[in-house]
Amino acid sequence: ALKNVTKQKEANPPSLKMADIQDELDILENFKENDKASADQKIWYFFNAVILVSIPIYLYHSIFGMDLEQFSILFGIVTFFSALIVTFSYHNTTFWLKKFLTKDRSNLITKRAVKLLEGDKEKLYEEKRENQLSNTVSESMAFSILYNNLFFLTSFIVMAFWIFNSLPSTFNYILSVSLSASLLSYASAELVNKKRKKKSKK
């Protein structure tokens, strides 16, 4: 009798593990299909990026005395290209965090758990998976914008008021804003690259 119980215990785990693995594969496959930023996300990223990189304009106008009309073209060019760079930084951070959270939450919703609910099991499973992915994306985007904004503003303040403080205001503005955006882009790209390197080693 003890041998039979032992055999049953040994027989059940593999099937359960296979079900869990299949659920994880389904979630990761769904994640790969959504690894690129949608048009709405790109617009939202760029909108936030423009607001972020426009903040220094007020500082250089009020503190460094740069006239808005005289330097409007310079402000526009630096703002546009810096906003594009920050946009990619937003997406890189969102991509990294979304991948981490998706993997971490892969066991929260399984087909075996949905079987306990009433209704169309397959439809309920897909709906709950989509809701979980949608929430994960929203959380990742919110964190990405907050994190990158703080990173950019901290870098900008250090560069503008310490590193390039002795330079003329025009060069100070160009270097402080563009280099802060570039540093942010590099840092966010490293998050993604480190994740890919770990995956390739495995």
Protein backbone atom coordinates (compact mmCIF):
# COMPACT_ATOMS: atom_id res chain seq x y z
CA ALA A 1 0.00 0.00 0.00
CA LEU A 2 2.83 2.38 0.88
CA LYS A 3 4.50 1.60 -2.42
CA ASN A 4 1.30 2.46 -4.30
CA VAL A 5 0.98 5.81 -2.49
CA THR A 6 4.62 6.58 -3.23
CA LYS A 7 4.12 5.75 -6.89
CA GLN A 8 1.07 8.02 -7.10
CA LYS A 9 2.98 10.91 -5.51
CA GLU A 10 5.81 10.40 -7.94
CA ALA A 11 3.42 10.24 -10.87
CA ASN A 12 1.46 13.44 -10.11
CA PRO A 13 4.19 16.12 -9.87
CA PRO A 14 5.47 15.75 -13.45
CA SER A 15 1.99 16.32 -14.87
CA LEU A 16 1.46 19.30 -12.61
CA LYS A 17 4.86 20.70 -13.51
CA MET A 18 4.15 20.23 -17.21
CA ALA A 19 0.92 22.21 -16.82
CA ASP A 20 2.75 25.00 -15.03
CA ILE A 21 5.49 25.05 -17.65
CA GLN A 22 2.89 25.25 -20.43
CA ASP A 23 1.22 28.18 -18.67
CA GLU A 24 4.56 29.98 -18.39
CA LEU A 25 5.33 29.32 -22.06
CA ASP A 26 1.93 30.72 -23.06
CA ILE A 27 2.53 33.87 -21.00
CA LEU A 28 6.08 34.36 -22.31
CA GLU A 29 4.88 33.85 -25.89
CA ASN A 30 2.20 36.47 -25.34
CA PHE A 31 4.87 38.74 -23.88
CA LYS A 32 7.09 38.40 -26.95
CA GLU A 33 4.18 39.47 -29.13
CA ASN A 34 3.85 42.64 -27.04
CA ASP A 35 7.54 43.54 -26.64
CA LYS A 36 7.30 46.47 -29.06
CA ALA A 37 5.79 49.79 -28.05
CA SER A 38 2.38 50.47 -29.57
CA ALA A 39 1.57 53.75 -31.31
CA ASP A 40 -0.33 54.95 -28.22
CA GLN A 41 2.59 54.10 -25.98
CA LYS A 42 5.05 55.94 -28.25
CA ILE A 43 2.86 59.04 -28.20
CA TRP A 44 2.53 58.86 -24.42
CA TYR A 45 6.29 58.39 -24.02
CA PHE A 46 7.09 61.30 -26.33
CA PHE A 47 4.53 63.56 -24.67
CA ASN A 48 6.08 62.96 -21.24
CA ALA A 49 9.58 63.28 -22.67
CA VAL A 50 8.82 66.69 -24.18
CA ILE A 51 7.50 67.95 -20.85
CA LEU A 52 10.57 66.58 -19.06
CA VAL A 53 13.22 68.07 -21.35
CA SER A 54 11.32 71.39 -21.49
CA ILE A 55 11.84 71.98 -17.77
CA PRO A 56 15.46 73.16 -18.26
CA ILE A 57 14.24 75.89 -20.64
CA TYR A 58 12.55 77.69 -17.76
CA LEU A 59 15.70 77.42 -15.63
CA TYR A 60 17.97 78.78 -18.35
CA HIS A 61 15.54 81.57 -19.09
CA SER A 62 15.03 82.64 -15.47
CA ILE A 63 18.46 81.84 -13.97
CA PHE A 64 20.93 82.06 -16.87
CA GLY A 65 19.06 84.84 -18.69
CA MET A 66 18.62 83.11 -22.05
CA ASP A 67 15.92 84.94 -24.03
CA LEU A 68 13.11 82.69 -25.24
CA GLU A 69 12.68 84.40 -28.61
CA GLN A 70 16.38 84.68 -29.34
CA PHE A 71 17.13 81.04 -28.53
CA SER A 72 13.78 79.56 -29.57
CA ILE A 73 15.30 77.55 -32.46
CA LEU A 74 18.04 76.17 -30.20
CA PHE A 75 15.52 75.27 -27.51
CA GLY A 76 13.30 73.58 -30.09
CA ILE A 77 16.07 71.47 -31.66
CA VAL A 78 17.57 70.33 -28.34
CA THR A 79 14.12 69.62 -26.90
CA PHE A 80 12.99 67.57 -29.90
CA PHE A 81 16.05 65.34 -30.20
CA SER A 82 16.46 64.95 -26.44
CA ALA A 83 12.79 63.97 -26.19
CA LEU A 84 13.32 61.29 -28.84
CA ILE A 85 16.23 59.85 -26.85
CA VAL A 86 14.22 59.88 -23.62
CA THR A 87 11.33 58.19 -25.43
CA PHE A 88 13.54 55.17 -26.16
CA SER A 89 14.71 55.21 -22.54
CA TYR A 90 11.12 55.04 -21.33
CA HIS A 91 10.44 52.01 -23.50
CA ASN A 92 13.67 50.21 -22.55
CA THR A 93 12.88 50.52 -18.85
CA THR A 94 9.26 49.50 -19.43
CA PHE A 95 10.41 46.49 -21.46
CA TRP A 96 12.87 45.40 -18.75
CA LEU A 97 10.40 45.74 -15.88
CA LYS A 98 7.51 44.21 -17.83
CA LYS A 99 9.62 41.15 -18.62
CA PHE A 100 10.66 40.80 -14.99
CA LEU A 101 7.12 41.17 -13.64
CA THR A 102 5.62 38.89 -16.29
CA LYS A 103 8.00 36.10 -15.36
CA ASP A 104 7.50 36.72 -11.64
CA ARG A 105 3.71 36.62 -11.98
CA SER A 106 3.53 33.68 -14.39
CA ASN A 107 2.20 31.36 -11.67
CA LEU A 108 -0.54 33.70 -10.44
CA ILE A 109 -3.02 32.68 -13.11
CA THR A 110 -2.97 29.07 -14.31
CA LYS A 111 -5.39 26.92 -16.25
CA ARG A 112 -5.75 24.63 -13.26
CA ALA A 113 -6.81 27.57 -11.06
CA VAL A 114 -9.33 28.81 -13.64
CA LYS A 115 -10.94 25.35 -13.76
CA LEU A 116 -12.38 26.09 -10.31
CA LEU A 117 -14.42 28.99 -11.74
CA GLU A 118 -17.77 28.72 -13.47
CA GLY A 119 -18.20 29.53 -17.16
CA ASP A 120 -16.09 29.10 -20.28
CA LYS A 121 -12.73 28.02 -18.81
CA GLU A 122 -10.64 28.91 -21.86
CA LYS A 123 -12.28 32.32 -22.25
CA LEU A 124 -11.88 33.10 -18.54
CA TYR A 125 -8.24 32.06 -18.67
CA GLU A 126 -7.52 34.33 -21.65
CA GLU A 127 -9.39 37.27 -20.09
CA LYS A 128 -7.55 36.98 -16.79
CA ARG A 129 -4.21 36.64 -18.57
CA GLU A 130 -4.91 39.72 -20.68
CA ASN A 131 -5.97 41.70 -17.61
CA GLN A 132 -2.82 40.67 -15.79
CA LEU A 133 -0.64 41.65 -18.77
CA SER A 134 -2.47 44.97 -19.12
CA ASN A 135 -1.94 45.78 -15.44
CA THR A 136 1.71 44.77 -15.69
CA VAL A 137 2.24 47.07 -18.68
CA SER A 138 0.55 50.00 -16.90
CA GLU A 139 2.65 49.50 -13.77
CA SER A 140 5.82 49.18 -15.83
CA MET A 141 5.10 52.36 -17.79
CA ALA A 142 4.32 54.36 -14.64
CA PHE A 143 7.52 53.20 -12.94
CA SER A 144 9.55 53.83 -16.10
CA ILE A 145 8.38 57.43 -16.41
CA LEU A 146 8.97 58.18 -12.72
CA TYR A 147 12.39 56.49 -12.64
CA ASN A 148 13.68 58.05 -15.87
CA ASN A 149 12.39 61.51 -14.96
CA LEU A 150 14.25 61.43 -11.63
CA PHE A 151 17.37 60.07 -13.35
CA PHE A 152 17.31 62.78 -16.02
CA LEU A 153 16.66 65.68 -13.63
CA THR A 154 19.39 64.52 -11.24
CA SER A 155 21.90 64.19 -14.08
CA PHE A 156 20.89 67.55 -15.51
CA ILE A 157 21.28 69.40 -12.19
CA VAL A 158 24.74 67.89 -11.62
CA MET A 159 25.90 68.78 -15.13
CA ALA A 160 24.34 72.24 -15.34
CA PHE A 161 25.31 73.55 -11.90
CA TRP A 162 28.59 71.70 -11.28
CA ILE A 163 30.26 70.05 -14.28
CA PHE A 164 29.50 72.68 -16.96
CA ASN A 165 28.92 75.62 -14.63
CA SER A 166 31.91 77.56 -16.00
CA LEU A 167 30.77 77.31 -19.63
CA PRO A 168 28.63 79.96 -21.40
CA SER A 169 24.92 79.38 -20.86
CA THR A 170 24.34 78.26 -24.47
CA PHE A 171 26.92 75.47 -24.35
CA ASN A 172 25.92 74.68 -20.79
CA TYR A 173 22.33 74.12 -21.92
CA ILE A 174 23.21 72.01 -24.98
CA LEU A 175 25.65 69.76 -23.14
CA SER A 176 23.66 69.40 -19.91
CA VAL A 177 20.37 68.45 -21.59
CA SER A 178 21.70 66.32 -24.44
CA LEU A 179 24.24 64.45 -22.31
CA SER A 180 21.69 63.82 -19.56
CA ALA A 181 19.33 62.33 -22.14
CA SER A 182 22.17 60.26 -23.64
CA LEU A 183 23.29 59.00 -20.23
CA LEU A 184 19.70 58.04 -19.48
CA SER A 185 19.44 56.17 -22.77
CA TYR A 186 22.69 54.31 -22.08
CA ALA A 187 21.58 53.32 -18.56
CA SER A 188 18.20 52.03 -19.77
CA ALA A 189 19.80 50.13 -22.65
CA GLU A 190 22.16 48.44 -20.19
CA LEU A 191 19.16 47.13 -18.24
CA VAL A 192 17.91 45.35 -21.36
CA ASN A 193 21.38 44.16 -22.44
CA LYS A 194 22.16 42.67 -19.02
CA LYS A 195 18.89 40.77 -19.11
CA ARG A 196 19.67 39.41 -22.57
CA LYS A 197 23.23 38.44 -21.59
CA LYS A 198 21.95 36.49 -18.59
CA LYS A 199 19.43 34.73 -20.82
CA SER A 200 22.09 33.82 -23.42
CA LYS A 201 24.40 32.39 -20.72
CA LYS A 202 21.60 30.12 -19.53
